[in-house]
Protein backbone atom coordinates (compact mmCIF):
# COMPACT_ATOMS: atom_id res chain seq x y z
CA MET A 1 114.89 94.09 101.35
CA SER A 2 117.97 92.64 103.07
CA ASP A 3 117.95 90.53 106.23
CA LEU A 4 119.96 91.92 109.11
CA PRO A 5 123.54 90.61 108.88
CA PRO A 6 125.48 89.04 111.77
CA PRO A 7 127.09 91.49 114.22
CA SER A 8 130.00 93.36 112.64
CA SER A 9 133.38 93.76 114.33
CA LYS A 10 132.28 97.25 115.39
CA ILE A 11 129.26 95.80 117.20
CA GLN A 12 131.23 92.90 118.67
CA ALA A 13 133.66 95.35 120.27
CA ASP A 14 131.17 96.08 123.07
CA PRO A 15 128.90 93.57 124.88
CA ASP A 16 126.19 96.23 125.21
CA TYR A 17 126.20 96.74 121.45
CA VAL A 18 125.89 92.98 120.95
CA SER A 19 122.99 92.72 123.38
CA ALA A 20 121.03 95.58 121.81
CA TYR A 21 121.67 94.34 118.27
CA GLN A 22 120.70 90.80 119.23
CA ARG A 23 117.37 92.17 120.37
CA CYS A 24 116.80 93.57 116.89
CA LEU A 25 117.69 90.19 115.37
CA THR A 26 115.22 88.45 117.70
CA ILE A 27 112.38 90.80 116.74
CA GLU A 28 113.22 90.36 113.04
CA HIS A 29 113.17 86.56 113.43
CA ARG A 30 109.75 86.67 115.11
CA LEU A 31 108.25 88.90 112.43
CA LEU A 32 109.66 86.75 109.63
CA GLY A 33 108.07 83.69 111.25
CA GLN A 34 104.69 85.40 111.34
CA LEU A 35 104.97 86.45 107.70
CA ASN A 36 106.07 82.98 106.57
CA ASN A 37 103.11 81.39 108.38
CA ASN A 38 100.71 83.67 106.50
CA ASP A 39 99.07 84.73 109.74
CA ALA A 40 100.52 88.23 109.86
CA ALA A 41 98.69 91.49 109.40
CA ALA A 42 99.87 94.18 106.99
CA GLU A 43 101.34 96.04 109.96
CA ASP A 44 103.78 93.17 110.52
CA GLU A 45 105.39 93.72 107.13
CA THR A 46 105.80 97.39 108.01
CA SER A 47 107.16 96.44 111.44
CA LEU A 48 109.73 94.20 109.73
CA ILE A 49 110.94 97.23 107.80
CA TYR A 50 111.08 99.28 111.01
CA ILE A 51 113.23 96.74 112.86
CA ARG A 52 115.54 96.40 109.87
CA VAL A 53 115.95 100.16 109.80
CA MET A 54 116.91 100.02 113.48
CA GLY A 55 119.23 97.05 112.99
CA HIS A 56 121.05 98.49 109.99
CA LEU A 57 121.61 101.70 111.94
CA PHE A 58 124.01 99.72 114.13
CA HIS A 59 126.16 99.15 111.03
CA PHE A 60 125.92 102.58 109.38
CA ALA A 61 125.30 105.16 112.09
CA PRO A 62 128.27 107.51 112.60
CA PRO A 63 130.28 106.43 115.67
CA LYS A 64 128.94 109.15 117.95
CA GLY A 65 125.41 107.78 117.72
CA LEU A 66 126.09 104.12 118.50
CA ASP A 67 126.17 104.49 122.29
CA SER A 68 122.89 106.42 122.24
CA LEU A 69 121.29 103.87 119.91
CA THR A 70 122.34 101.02 122.20
CA PHE A 71 121.01 102.81 125.28
CA GLN A 72 117.65 103.49 123.66
CA VAL A 73 117.12 99.92 122.48
CA SER A 74 118.22 98.50 125.83
CA SER A 75 115.85 100.85 127.68
CA CYS A 76 112.77 99.61 125.82
CA SER A 77 110.48 97.38 127.86
CA SER A 78 108.76 95.73 124.88
CA ASP A 79 109.26 94.91 121.21
CA GLU A 80 106.71 97.57 120.28
CA ASP A 81 108.76 100.17 122.17
CA VAL A 82 111.78 99.26 120.04
CA LEU A 83 109.73 99.61 116.85
CA GLN A 84 108.44 103.00 117.98
CA LEU A 85 112.01 104.32 118.10
CA VAL A 86 112.21 104.34 114.32
CA LYS A 87 108.63 105.30 113.37
CA ARG A 88 109.56 108.76 112.20
CA ASN A 89 108.27 111.09 109.50
CA LYS A 90 110.38 111.86 106.47
CA GLY A 91 110.24 114.85 104.18
CA ARG A 92 112.01 115.98 101.06
CA THR A 93 113.50 119.26 99.97
CA PRO A 94 110.79 121.29 98.22
CA ASN A 95 111.19 122.14 94.56
CA PRO A 96 113.08 125.43 94.18
CA THR A 97 111.16 128.45 93.02
CA THR A 98 111.84 129.95 89.63
CA HIS A 99 113.61 133.26 89.74
CA PRO A 100 113.18 135.97 87.10
CA SER A 101 116.06 136.59 84.76
CA ARG A 102 118.47 139.29 85.68
CA PRO A 103 120.76 141.48 83.59
CA PRO A 104 124.27 140.19 82.86
CA PHE A 105 127.13 141.07 85.21
CA GLU A 106 129.86 143.31 83.86
CA SER A 107 132.62 141.05 85.21
CA LEU A 108 133.13 137.72 86.91
CA SER A 109 134.67 139.35 89.99
CA ARG A 110 131.62 141.59 90.40
CA MET A 111 129.27 138.62 90.16
CA ILE A 112 131.25 136.65 92.75
CA SER A 113 131.48 139.68 95.03
CA GLU A 114 127.72 140.24 94.93
CA TYR A 115 126.99 136.56 95.53
CA LEU A 116 129.33 136.37 98.52
CA HIS A 117 128.17 139.55 100.24
CA GLU A 118 124.55 138.45 100.45
CA ALA A 119 123.63 136.87 103.77
CA PRO A 120 122.47 133.25 103.41
CA VAL A 121 118.92 133.90 104.59
CA SER A 122 116.99 132.28 101.74
CA HIS A 123 117.12 129.52 99.18
CA ALA A 124 118.08 132.05 96.50
CA THR A 125 121.07 133.49 98.36
CA ALA A 126 122.20 130.01 99.45
CA LYS A 127 122.23 128.98 95.79
CA LYS A 128 124.38 131.98 94.84
CA LYS A 129 126.95 131.30 97.56
CA ALA A 130 127.05 127.59 96.70
CA LEU A 131 127.57 128.43 93.02
CA ALA A 132 130.48 130.76 93.84
CA ARG A 133 132.07 128.15 96.10
CA ASP A 134 131.47 125.25 93.70
CA GLY A 135 132.93 127.02 90.66
CA PHE A 136 129.53 127.64 89.07
CA ARG A 137 129.02 123.97 88.28
CA CYS A 138 127.55 120.75 89.59
CA VAL A 139 129.91 119.23 92.15
CA VAL A 140 129.39 115.71 90.76
CA SER A 141 129.05 116.02 86.98
CA LYS A 142 131.22 119.17 86.71
CA VAL A 143 128.73 120.54 84.18
CA PHE A 144 128.51 124.34 84.37
CA ASP A 145 125.42 126.21 85.52
CA PHE A 146 123.62 127.51 82.45
CA GLN A 147 122.33 130.77 83.96
CA SER A 148 125.74 131.71 85.40
CA VAL A 149 127.43 131.23 82.04
CA GLU A 150 124.61 133.00 80.19
CA HIS A 151 124.76 136.05 82.46
CA ASN A 152 128.52 136.53 82.56
CA LYS A 153 130.59 136.84 79.41
CA GLU A 154 133.88 136.69 81.32
CA LEU A 155 132.92 133.37 82.93
CA ALA A 156 131.79 132.05 79.55
CA ALA A 157 135.10 133.09 77.98
CA GLN A 158 137.12 131.41 80.76
CA ILE A 159 135.14 128.20 80.38
CA ASN A 160 135.44 128.18 76.59
CA ALA A 161 139.20 128.79 76.83
CA THR A 162 139.78 125.71 78.99
CA ASN A 163 136.96 123.49 77.70
CA PRO A 164 136.74 123.08 73.91
CA GLN A 165 133.16 121.78 74.18
CA PRO A 166 131.85 122.99 77.54
CA MET A 167 128.58 121.52 78.76
CA CYS A 168 125.99 123.62 80.57
CA CYS A 169 122.70 122.72 82.21
CA PRO A 170 120.31 124.06 84.84
CA THR A 171 121.56 123.40 88.36
CA GLU A 172 119.85 123.55 91.74
CA CYS A 173 120.84 124.24 95.32
CA ALA A 174 120.60 120.91 97.15
CA HIS A 175 120.16 120.97 100.92
CA ILE A 176 121.56 118.04 102.93
CA PHE A 177 119.00 118.68 105.67
CA PRO A 178 115.86 119.96 103.88
CA ALA A 179 115.04 123.64 104.08
CA SER A 180 111.43 122.67 104.83
CA LEU A 181 112.52 121.65 108.34
CA THR A 182 112.74 125.27 109.48
CA GLU A 183 110.94 127.43 106.92
CA HIS A 184 107.35 128.69 107.13
CA ILE A 185 106.26 126.38 109.96
CA PRO A 186 103.15 127.62 111.82
CA PRO A 187 103.24 127.09 115.61
CA GLY A 188 101.40 123.93 116.65
CA SER A 189 101.17 122.59 113.09
CA ALA A 190 101.81 118.99 112.05
CA LYS A 191 104.81 120.21 110.08
CA ARG A 192 106.31 121.74 113.22
CA MET A 193 105.75 118.46 115.08
CA ALA A 194 107.45 116.51 112.28
CA SER A 195 110.41 118.89 112.33
CA ALA A 196 110.67 118.65 116.12
CA THR A 197 110.62 114.86 115.84
CA LEU A 198 113.65 114.85 113.56
CA TRP A 199 115.62 117.26 115.75
CA THR A 200 114.73 115.17 118.83
CA PHE A 201 115.86 112.05 116.98
CA LEU A 202 119.23 113.65 116.21
CA ARG A 203 119.68 114.80 119.81
CA GLN A 204 118.90 111.29 121.06
CA PHE A 205 121.63 109.95 118.80
CA GLY A 206 124.18 112.36 120.23
CA TYR A 207 124.08 115.08 117.57
CA SER A 208 122.62 117.92 119.62
CA GLU A 209 124.78 120.45 117.78
CA VAL A 210 123.04 119.86 114.44
CA PRO A 211 119.62 121.38 115.35
CA GLU A 212 121.37 124.43 116.82
CA GLN A 213 123.61 124.86 113.78
CA LEU A 214 120.67 124.67 111.37
CA ASP A 215 118.12 126.65 113.34
CA GLY A 216 116.00 129.11 111.35
CA ALA A 217 117.72 130.74 108.38
CA ASN A 218 120.91 128.81 109.22
CA ILE A 219 119.38 125.87 107.35
CA HIS A 220 120.82 127.69 104.30
CA ARG A 221 124.38 127.81 105.64
CA LEU A 222 127.03 126.75 103.15
CA GLU A 223 127.87 123.62 105.14
CA ASN A 224 124.34 122.34 104.37
CA VAL A 225 124.15 123.04 100.63
CA MET A 226 125.81 122.10 97.36
CA THR A 227 125.26 122.66 93.64
CA LEU A 228 123.78 119.69 91.75
CA ARG A 229 122.25 119.26 88.32
CA MET A 230 118.52 118.60 88.42
CA GLU A 231 118.33 114.80 88.23
CA LEU A 232 121.20 114.35 90.69
CA HIS A 233 119.43 116.69 93.12
CA TYR A 234 116.33 114.49 92.85
CA TYR A 235 118.35 111.32 93.49
CA PHE A 236 120.09 112.97 96.46
CA ASP A 237 116.79 114.14 97.99
CA THR A 238 115.18 110.71 97.59
CA LEU A 239 118.18 108.94 99.18
CA ASN A 240 119.12 107.25 95.90
CA LEU A 241 122.48 109.05 95.83
CA TRP A 242 124.85 109.75 98.69
CA PHE A 243 128.49 110.56 99.42
CA VAL A 244 130.85 108.19 101.26
CA ALA A 245 133.92 109.80 102.82
CA MET A 246 137.30 108.46 101.72
CA PRO A 247 139.39 107.54 104.80
CA GLY A 248 142.27 109.91 105.46
CA LYS A 249 141.30 112.27 102.63
CA PRO A 250 139.50 115.37 103.97
CA ASN A 251 136.55 116.57 101.88
CA GLN A 252 136.99 113.74 99.38
CA TYR A 253 134.06 111.39 98.75
CA THR A 254 132.92 108.57 96.52
CA VAL A 255 129.48 108.96 94.95
CA LYS A 256 127.27 105.95 95.71
CA THR A 257 123.84 105.17 94.27
CA SER A 258 121.01 102.75 95.00
CA HIS A 259 121.26 101.24 91.50
CA SER A 260 124.40 100.87 89.40
CA ASN A 261 122.63 102.07 86.23
CA LEU A 262 120.99 105.08 87.89
CA THR A 263 123.62 107.55 86.69
CA PRO A 264 127.02 107.35 84.98
CA PHE A 265 128.49 109.19 87.96
CA SER A 266 128.20 106.26 90.38
CA ASP A 267 131.60 105.65 92.06
CA THR A 268 132.85 109.06 90.89
CA VAL A 269 135.35 110.63 93.30
CA VAL A 270 134.34 114.15 94.35
CA THR A 271 136.54 116.65 96.19
CA PHE A 272 134.76 119.57 97.86
CA GLY A 273 136.77 122.75 97.94
CA SER A 274 136.95 126.34 96.77
CA GLU A 275 139.36 129.02 95.65
CA HIS A 276 137.75 131.17 98.34
CA ALA A 277 139.13 130.09 101.72
CA ASP A 278 136.25 131.68 103.62
CA LEU A 279 133.65 129.45 101.93
CA PRO A 280 133.35 126.20 103.91
CA PRO A 281 132.65 122.90 102.11
CA PRO A 282 129.61 120.73 102.87
CA SER A 283 129.78 119.40 106.42
CA PRO A 284 131.31 115.90 106.72
CA LEU A 285 128.92 115.23 109.62
CA TYR A 286 125.81 116.23 107.65
CA LEU A 287 126.94 114.12 104.69
CA ALA A 288 127.68 111.15 106.97
CA ILE A 289 124.19 111.32 108.51
CA HIS A 290 122.63 111.56 105.03
CA ALA A 291 124.70 108.61 103.80
CA ALA A 292 123.74 106.52 106.83
CA CYS A 293 120.04 107.27 106.25
CA ALA A 294 120.31 106.37 102.56
CA GLN A 295 122.09 103.06 103.15
CA VAL A 296 119.78 102.06 105.99
CA ALA A 297 116.69 102.97 103.93
CA HIS A 298 117.68 100.73 101.03
CA LEU A 299 119.03 97.79 103.00
CA SER A 300 116.00 97.72 105.31
CA GLY A 301 113.45 98.01 102.51
CA ALA A 302 112.12 101.31 103.83
CA ALA A 303 112.88 103.18 100.60
CA GLU A 304 111.03 100.60 98.51
CA HIS A 305 108.12 100.73 100.96
CA ILE A 306 107.87 104.53 100.66
CA ASP A 307 108.14 104.43 96.86
CA LYS A 308 105.40 101.78 96.66
CA TYR A 309 103.05 103.98 98.65
CA ASP A 310 103.95 106.95 96.44
CA ARG A 311 103.03 104.94 93.34
CA ASP A 312 99.80 103.72 94.93
CA VAL A 313 98.80 107.28 95.78
CA GLU A 314 99.25 108.24 92.12
CA ASP A 315 97.31 105.19 90.82
CA ILE A 316 94.37 105.10 93.23
CA THR A 317 91.72 107.82 93.15
CA VAL A 318 89.19 106.29 95.55
CA LEU A 319 90.25 104.94 98.94
CA SER A 320 88.61 101.77 100.19
CA PRO A 321 85.73 102.53 102.59
CA THR A 322 86.42 99.33 104.54
CA GLY A 323 89.80 100.33 105.90
CA GLU A 324 92.25 98.43 103.69
CA SER A 325 93.74 101.72 102.50
CA ALA A 326 94.40 103.12 105.97
CA GLY A 327 98.16 102.71 105.60
CA LEU A 328 98.09 104.36 102.19
CA LEU A 329 96.10 107.33 103.49
CA ASP A 330 98.40 107.66 106.50
CA HIS A 331 101.45 107.83 104.23
CA ALA A 332 99.83 110.41 101.95
CA LEU A 333 98.79 112.62 104.87
CA ARG A 334 102.23 112.42 106.48
CA GLY A 335 103.86 113.41 103.20
CA LEU A 336 101.53 116.38 102.77
CA GLN A 337 102.04 117.49 106.37
CA ILE A 338 105.81 117.48 106.02
CA ALA A 339 105.61 119.27 102.66
CA GLY A 340 103.68 122.05 104.39
CA TYR A 341 100.19 121.51 102.95
């Protein structure tokens, strides 16, 4: 968990930014004092994570959200109000369903044509369109999708002709904003409330277009999906892998990870594109928001905090009857609510 750094040049460019960020530093200093004096409750450690999430947002939030962030912090009448700004639920993309095998396609052009003419109204059709756009391979590792190669002899022949030892593996359709945000949400349910909270959060930060763009089945639009091999999809969903845009190079990104030994693809340069001009690449805005969330989560300690609770849930079968496990139970229930259970 990293302490909040001094104000960056971006923050120092505006006195209002400085004032709002200084408030975060003051709250962090107070909470650290309480923890060092051993007179803090467990909630204070969690509050320290919350304020560090808020503070690091000043450094990593896309430019459009900084004014809104400053206004919200400055409008808070108490430290607790500031902490409440960042107490939000978080969910992950659900595991994709397994699809039955299908007969091989007669030609590569027929397979691409069928994939592209299906409307992106489900996870399955989004995966097909992403595969066609991404060249039937993982956008990071460049390993080919096993099922696509298995079901199309022409594609297999093309790959073998240009790759003496082609590698194939199962791939998955990774959503930047999880599909669970809009799918199968009963009215009035906790899942609907969690989804509404995220959309409200984005609107408050100046990104009102995102909820409209991803409403309903549009969560599967091509700008919100990409093809990743299985372990990279997991790292992406859990904010352990993200894409940092390269200045002045449209649709070109550097792969960043939470740990240098997580994957051999850390610091790999990825260029999103397609031979099909009508297939848009992943949205730079969506990727920037995801990258900001990932960096803030790890610098603030929030990711470690969530993972610790996940491990505790797996290890503990009986919750304490005296209340010590209240935070653990709260985390478990929030996770189940967001997952749709």
